[in-house]
Amino acid sequence: MSGEDLACAELQRRGYAIVERRYRTRFGEIDIIAKDGLTIVFVEVKARMTQEFGGAAAAMTGWKQRRIARMAVDYLARQNLHDCPCRFDVVAIDFDESNPRVIVYPNAFNACD
């Protein structure tokens, strides 16, 4: 099972509704777009095989956050969701154990950071 599949399963277990996977824009790709109640959630999935460079959670850089924010603005504009609440979650998956460890970071960063 891929990291993205594990992330979707965990998000659904938490009550999120998966709206789209691999949404492509001119800025790149959003891994998962979901709804948590009335909130649109843009989800970045970070999966790592080892902790060598700090694990999956450490891979979410400021540059990546700004890029995801641009993609989210594109999505909201194209879907005419200008007044819809949204947030950015990160799902970190570490595969270096016998069972993958999946951690969801709700509201992981602010688009204005």
N, C-alpha and C. Protein backbone atom coordinates (compact mmCIF):
# COMPACT_ATOMS: atom_id res chain seq x y z
N MET A 1 0.85 -1.18 0.00
CA MET A 1 0.00 0.00 0.00
C MET A 1 0.90 1.24 0.00
N SER A 2 0.59 2.21 -0.86
CA SER A 2 1.40 3.42 -0.97
C SER A 2 1.14 4.35 0.21
N GLY A 3 2.04 5.30 0.39
CA GLY A 3 1.88 6.29 1.44
C GLY A 3 0.59 7.08 1.28
N GLU A 4 0.26 7.42 0.05
CA GLU A 4 -0.96 8.17 -0.20
C GLU A 4 -2.20 7.33 0.13
N ASP A 5 -2.16 6.03 -0.17
CA ASP A 5 -3.28 5.15 0.19
C ASP A 5 -3.44 5.06 1.70
N LEU A 6 -2.32 4.93 2.40
CA LEU A 6 -2.37 4.89 3.87
C LEU A 6 -2.93 6.19 4.43
N ALA A 7 -2.50 7.31 3.85
CA ALA A 7 -2.99 8.62 4.30
C ALA A 7 -4.49 8.74 4.10
N CYS A 8 -4.98 8.34 2.93
CA CYS A 8 -6.43 8.41 2.66
C CYS A 8 -7.20 7.54 3.64
N ALA A 9 -6.70 6.35 3.91
CA ALA A 9 -7.39 5.44 4.84
C ALA A 9 -7.46 6.07 6.23
N GLU A 10 -6.37 6.68 6.67
CA GLU A 10 -6.36 7.30 8.01
C GLU A 10 -7.27 8.52 8.05
N LEU A 11 -7.25 9.32 7.01
CA LEU A 11 -8.13 10.50 6.97
C LEU A 11 -9.60 10.08 6.98
N GLN A 12 -9.94 9.06 6.20
CA GLN A 12 -11.32 8.58 6.18
C GLN A 12 -11.71 8.01 7.54
N ARG A 13 -10.79 7.33 8.20
CA ARG A 13 -11.06 6.81 9.54
C ARG A 13 -11.39 7.94 10.51
N ARG A 14 -10.80 9.10 10.28
CA ARG A 14 -11.04 10.28 11.12
C ARG A 14 -12.26 11.08 10.69
N GLY A 15 -12.94 10.64 9.63
CA GLY A 15 -14.17 11.31 9.21
C GLY A 15 -14.01 12.29 8.05
N TYR A 16 -12.84 12.39 7.48
CA TYR A 16 -12.65 13.25 6.31
C TYR A 16 -13.30 12.58 5.10
N ALA A 17 -13.79 13.38 4.19
CA ALA A 17 -14.28 12.88 2.91
C ALA A 17 -13.24 13.25 1.86
N ILE A 18 -12.72 12.26 1.16
CA ILE A 18 -11.72 12.51 0.12
C ILE A 18 -12.43 13.07 -1.11
N VAL A 19 -12.01 14.25 -1.53
CA VAL A 19 -12.61 14.92 -2.69
C VAL A 19 -11.81 14.63 -3.95
N GLU A 20 -10.49 14.70 -3.82
CA GLU A 20 -9.64 14.51 -4.98
C GLU A 20 -8.26 14.04 -4.55
N ARG A 21 -7.62 13.29 -5.43
CA ARG A 21 -6.24 12.86 -5.22
C ARG A 21 -5.42 13.32 -6.41
N ARG A 22 -4.19 13.71 -6.10
CA ARG A 22 -3.24 14.14 -7.14
C ARG A 22 -3.80 15.26 -8.01
N TYR A 23 -4.26 16.33 -7.39
CA TYR A 23 -4.78 17.48 -8.12
C TYR A 23 -3.59 18.25 -8.71
N ARG A 24 -3.56 18.33 -10.03
CA ARG A 24 -2.43 18.97 -10.71
C ARG A 24 -2.76 20.41 -11.09
N THR A 25 -1.79 21.28 -10.84
CA THR A 25 -1.89 22.68 -11.24
C THR A 25 -0.59 23.05 -11.95
N ARG A 26 -0.51 24.28 -12.42
CA ARG A 26 0.73 24.73 -13.05
C ARG A 26 1.85 24.86 -12.04
N PHE A 27 1.51 24.88 -10.74
CA PHE A 27 2.51 24.99 -9.69
C PHE A 27 2.99 23.63 -9.18
N GLY A 28 2.28 22.58 -9.54
CA GLY A 28 2.64 21.25 -9.06
C GLY A 28 1.39 20.44 -8.74
N GLU A 29 1.50 19.58 -7.75
CA GLU A 29 0.42 18.64 -7.44
C GLU A 29 0.11 18.66 -5.94
N ILE A 30 -1.17 18.70 -5.62
CA ILE A 30 -1.63 18.53 -4.25
C ILE A 30 -1.95 17.06 -4.08
N ASP A 31 -1.40 16.42 -3.06
CA ASP A 31 -1.58 14.99 -2.88
C ASP A 31 -3.04 14.62 -2.67
N ILE A 32 -3.69 15.28 -1.71
CA ILE A 32 -5.08 14.95 -1.37
C ILE A 32 -5.83 16.24 -1.06
N ILE A 33 -7.04 16.33 -1.58
CA ILE A 33 -7.97 17.39 -1.19
C ILE A 33 -9.14 16.67 -0.54
N ALA A 34 -9.49 17.11 0.66
CA ALA A 34 -10.54 16.45 1.42
C ALA A 34 -11.45 17.50 2.06
N LYS A 35 -12.55 17.01 2.60
CA LYS A 35 -13.43 17.87 3.39
C LYS A 35 -13.49 17.31 4.80
N ASP A 36 -13.37 18.19 5.75
CA ASP A 36 -13.54 17.87 7.17
C ASP A 36 -14.67 18.76 7.64
N GLY A 37 -15.87 18.23 7.63
CA GLY A 37 -17.04 19.07 7.87
C GLY A 37 -17.21 20.02 6.70
N LEU A 38 -17.26 21.31 6.98
CA LEU A 38 -17.40 22.32 5.93
C LEU A 38 -16.07 22.86 5.45
N THR A 39 -14.99 22.38 6.02
CA THR A 39 -13.65 22.89 5.72
C THR A 39 -12.99 22.08 4.61
N ILE A 40 -12.46 22.78 3.61
CA ILE A 40 -11.65 22.13 2.58
C ILE A 40 -10.25 21.96 3.17
N VAL A 41 -9.71 20.75 3.05
CA VAL A 41 -8.40 20.45 3.62
C VAL A 41 -7.45 20.04 2.50
N PHE A 42 -6.36 20.76 2.39
CA PHE A 42 -5.31 20.45 1.43
C PHE A 42 -4.26 19.65 2.18
N VAL A 43 -4.04 18.42 1.74
CA VAL A 43 -3.20 17.49 2.49
C VAL A 43 -1.93 17.17 1.71
N GLU A 44 -0.81 17.37 2.36
CA GLU A 44 0.48 16.95 1.80
C GLU A 44 0.88 15.67 2.50
N VAL A 45 1.24 14.66 1.74
CA VAL A 45 1.68 13.38 2.29
C VAL A 45 3.19 13.30 2.17
N LYS A 46 3.83 13.03 3.29
CA LYS A 46 5.28 12.86 3.31
C LYS A 46 5.57 11.47 3.85
N ALA A 47 6.19 10.66 3.04
CA ALA A 47 6.52 9.29 3.44
C ALA A 47 8.03 9.08 3.33
N ARG A 48 8.59 8.42 4.33
CA ARG A 48 10.02 8.16 4.35
C ARG A 48 10.28 6.73 4.77
N MET A 49 11.31 6.16 4.19
CA MET A 49 11.70 4.78 4.52
C MET A 49 12.60 4.73 5.75
N THR A 50 13.34 5.81 6.03
CA THR A 50 14.25 5.82 7.19
C THR A 50 14.14 7.17 7.89
N GLN A 51 14.70 7.23 9.08
CA GLN A 51 14.76 8.47 9.85
C GLN A 51 16.06 9.24 9.56
N GLU A 52 16.80 8.80 8.57
CA GLU A 52 18.13 9.33 8.30
C GLU A 52 18.17 10.86 8.19
N PHE A 53 17.19 11.46 7.56
CA PHE A 53 17.17 12.91 7.41
C PHE A 53 16.03 13.54 8.21
N GLY A 54 15.68 12.94 9.33
CA GLY A 54 14.68 13.52 10.21
C GLY A 54 13.28 12.95 10.06
N GLY A 55 13.11 11.97 9.23
CA GLY A 55 11.79 11.37 9.08
C GLY A 55 10.87 12.18 8.19
N ALA A 56 9.66 11.69 8.06
CA ALA A 56 8.70 12.27 7.12
C ALA A 56 8.30 13.69 7.50
N ALA A 57 8.04 13.94 8.76
CA ALA A 57 7.56 15.26 9.18
C ALA A 57 8.59 16.35 8.89
N ALA A 58 9.86 16.01 8.93
CA ALA A 58 10.92 17.00 8.69
C ALA A 58 10.99 17.45 7.23
N ALA A 59 10.32 16.74 6.35
CA ALA A 59 10.39 17.05 4.92
C ALA A 59 9.49 18.21 4.50
N MET A 60 8.70 18.76 5.41
CA MET A 60 7.76 19.83 5.07
C MET A 60 8.45 21.19 5.26
N THR A 61 9.07 21.67 4.20
CA THR A 61 9.84 22.91 4.26
C THR A 61 8.96 24.13 4.01
N GLY A 62 9.48 25.30 4.33
CA GLY A 62 8.76 26.54 4.06
C GLY A 62 8.48 26.73 2.59
N TRP A 63 9.45 26.36 1.75
CA TRP A 63 9.26 26.46 0.30
C TRP A 63 8.08 25.60 -0.14
N LYS A 64 8.00 24.37 0.39
CA LYS A 64 6.91 23.45 0.04
C LYS A 64 5.57 24.00 0.53
N GLN A 65 5.55 24.61 1.71
CA GLN A 65 4.32 25.19 2.23
C GLN A 65 3.81 26.30 1.32
N ARG A 66 4.69 27.18 0.88
CA ARG A 66 4.29 28.27 -0.01
C ARG A 66 3.78 27.74 -1.35
N ARG A 67 4.40 26.70 -1.84
CA ARG A 67 3.98 26.09 -3.11
C ARG A 67 2.59 25.47 -2.98
N ILE A 68 2.33 24.78 -1.89
CA ILE A 68 1.01 24.19 -1.67
C ILE A 68 -0.04 25.28 -1.54
N ALA A 69 0.30 26.36 -0.87
CA ALA A 69 -0.64 27.48 -0.72
C ALA A 69 -1.03 28.04 -2.10
N ARG A 70 -0.07 28.18 -3.00
CA ARG A 70 -0.38 28.67 -4.35
C ARG A 70 -1.30 27.69 -5.08
N MET A 71 -1.04 26.41 -4.91
CA MET A 71 -1.90 25.41 -5.56
C MET A 71 -3.31 25.44 -4.97
N ALA A 72 -3.41 25.67 -3.67
CA ALA A 72 -4.72 25.74 -3.02
C ALA A 72 -5.52 26.93 -3.53
N VAL A 73 -4.86 28.08 -3.71
CA VAL A 73 -5.54 29.25 -4.26
C VAL A 73 -6.06 28.94 -5.65
N ASP A 74 -5.27 28.26 -6.45
CA ASP A 74 -5.69 27.86 -7.79
C ASP A 74 -6.93 26.97 -7.73
N TYR A 75 -6.91 25.98 -6.83
CA TYR A 75 -8.04 25.06 -6.70
C TYR A 75 -9.30 25.82 -6.27
N LEU A 76 -9.18 26.65 -5.24
CA LEU A 76 -10.34 27.39 -4.74
C LEU A 76 -10.93 28.30 -5.82
N ALA A 77 -10.08 28.94 -6.61
CA ALA A 77 -10.56 29.81 -7.68
C ALA A 77 -11.27 29.01 -8.76
N ARG A 78 -10.68 27.90 -9.17
CA ARG A 78 -11.28 27.09 -10.24
C ARG A 78 -12.60 26.45 -9.81
N GLN A 79 -12.74 26.17 -8.52
CA GLN A 79 -13.97 25.55 -8.01
C GLN A 79 -14.97 26.58 -7.50
N ASN A 80 -14.62 27.87 -7.61
CA ASN A 80 -15.47 28.97 -7.14
C ASN A 80 -15.80 28.81 -5.66
N LEU A 81 -14.79 28.52 -4.87
CA LEU A 81 -14.95 28.32 -3.42
C LEU A 81 -14.26 29.43 -2.63
N HIS A 82 -14.43 30.67 -3.07
CA HIS A 82 -13.70 31.81 -2.50
C HIS A 82 -13.97 32.02 -1.01
N ASP A 83 -15.18 31.74 -0.56
CA ASP A 83 -15.54 32.00 0.84
C ASP A 83 -15.53 30.75 1.71
N CYS A 84 -14.99 29.68 1.19
CA CYS A 84 -14.98 28.41 1.91
C CYS A 84 -13.79 28.36 2.88
N PRO A 85 -14.03 27.95 4.13
CA PRO A 85 -12.88 27.81 5.04
C PRO A 85 -11.97 26.68 4.56
N CYS A 86 -10.68 26.88 4.75
CA CYS A 86 -9.74 25.83 4.35
C CYS A 86 -8.57 25.80 5.31
N ARG A 87 -7.84 24.70 5.26
CA ARG A 87 -6.64 24.55 6.08
C ARG A 87 -5.69 23.59 5.39
N PHE A 88 -4.49 23.51 5.95
CA PHE A 88 -3.44 22.67 5.39
C PHE A 88 -3.02 21.63 6.43
N ASP A 89 -3.19 20.37 6.09
CA ASP A 89 -2.78 19.27 6.96
C ASP A 89 -1.59 18.55 6.32
N VAL A 90 -0.81 17.92 7.15
CA VAL A 90 0.29 17.09 6.68
C VAL A 90 0.10 15.70 7.27
N VAL A 91 0.26 14.68 6.44
CA VAL A 91 0.27 13.30 6.92
C VAL A 91 1.69 12.79 6.73
N ALA A 92 2.32 12.44 7.85
CA ALA A 92 3.69 11.92 7.83
C ALA A 92 3.63 10.41 8.03
N ILE A 93 4.33 9.69 7.15
CA ILE A 93 4.34 8.23 7.24
C ILE A 93 5.79 7.77 7.26
N ASP A 94 6.12 7.06 8.32
CA ASP A 94 7.46 6.50 8.46
C ASP A 94 7.36 5.00 8.31
N PHE A 95 8.08 4.46 7.32
CA PHE A 95 8.05 3.04 7.00
C PHE A 95 9.19 2.25 7.63
N ASP A 96 9.99 2.87 8.48
CA ASP A 96 11.19 2.19 8.97
C ASP A 96 10.91 1.20 10.11
N GLU A 97 9.67 1.01 10.45
CA GLU A 97 9.29 0.04 11.48
C GLU A 97 8.55 -1.12 10.81
N SER A 98 8.22 -2.15 11.58
CA SER A 98 7.51 -3.28 11.00
C SER A 98 6.14 -2.87 10.46
N ASN A 99 5.47 -1.96 11.15
CA ASN A 99 4.21 -1.40 10.67
C ASN A 99 4.42 0.09 10.41
N PRO A 100 3.94 0.60 9.28
CA PRO A 100 4.10 2.03 9.01
C PRO A 100 3.43 2.85 10.10
N ARG A 101 4.10 3.92 10.49
CA ARG A 101 3.54 4.85 11.49
C ARG A 101 2.96 6.04 10.73
N VAL A 102 1.65 6.27 10.89
CA VAL A 102 0.95 7.35 10.20
C VAL A 102 0.55 8.40 11.23
N ILE A 103 1.03 9.61 11.02
CA ILE A 103 0.70 10.72 11.93
C ILE A 103 0.07 11.83 11.11
N VAL A 104 -1.10 12.30 11.56
CA VAL A 104 -1.79 13.40 10.90
C VAL A 104 -1.55 14.66 11.71
N TYR A 105 -1.10 15.71 11.03
CA TYR A 105 -0.89 17.02 11.64
C TYR A 105 -1.94 17.97 11.09
N PRO A 106 -3.09 18.09 11.79
CA PRO A 106 -4.12 19.01 11.32
C PRO A 106 -3.62 20.46 11.45
N ASN A 107 -4.02 21.27 10.49
CA ASN A 107 -3.65 22.69 10.52
C ASN A 107 -2.14 22.84 10.72
N ALA A 108 -1.38 22.09 9.95
CA ALA A 108 0.06 21.97 10.11
C ALA A 108 0.82 23.27 9.86
N PHE A 109 0.27 24.11 9.00
CA PHE A 109 0.91 25.40 8.74
C PHE A 109 -0.11 26.38 8.26
N ASN A 110 0.26 27.65 8.34
CA ASN A 110 -0.60 28.75 7.93
C ASN A 110 -0.11 29.21 6.57
N ALA A 111 -1.01 29.44 5.66
CA ALA A 111 -0.63 29.87 4.31
C ALA A 111 0.07 31.22 4.31
N CYS A 112 -0.06 31.98 5.37
CA CYS A 112 0.55 33.30 5.45
C CYS A 112 1.95 33.25 6.02
N ASP A 113 2.41 32.08 6.46
CA ASP A 113 3.75 31.97 7.06
C ASP A 113 4.83 32.28 6.04
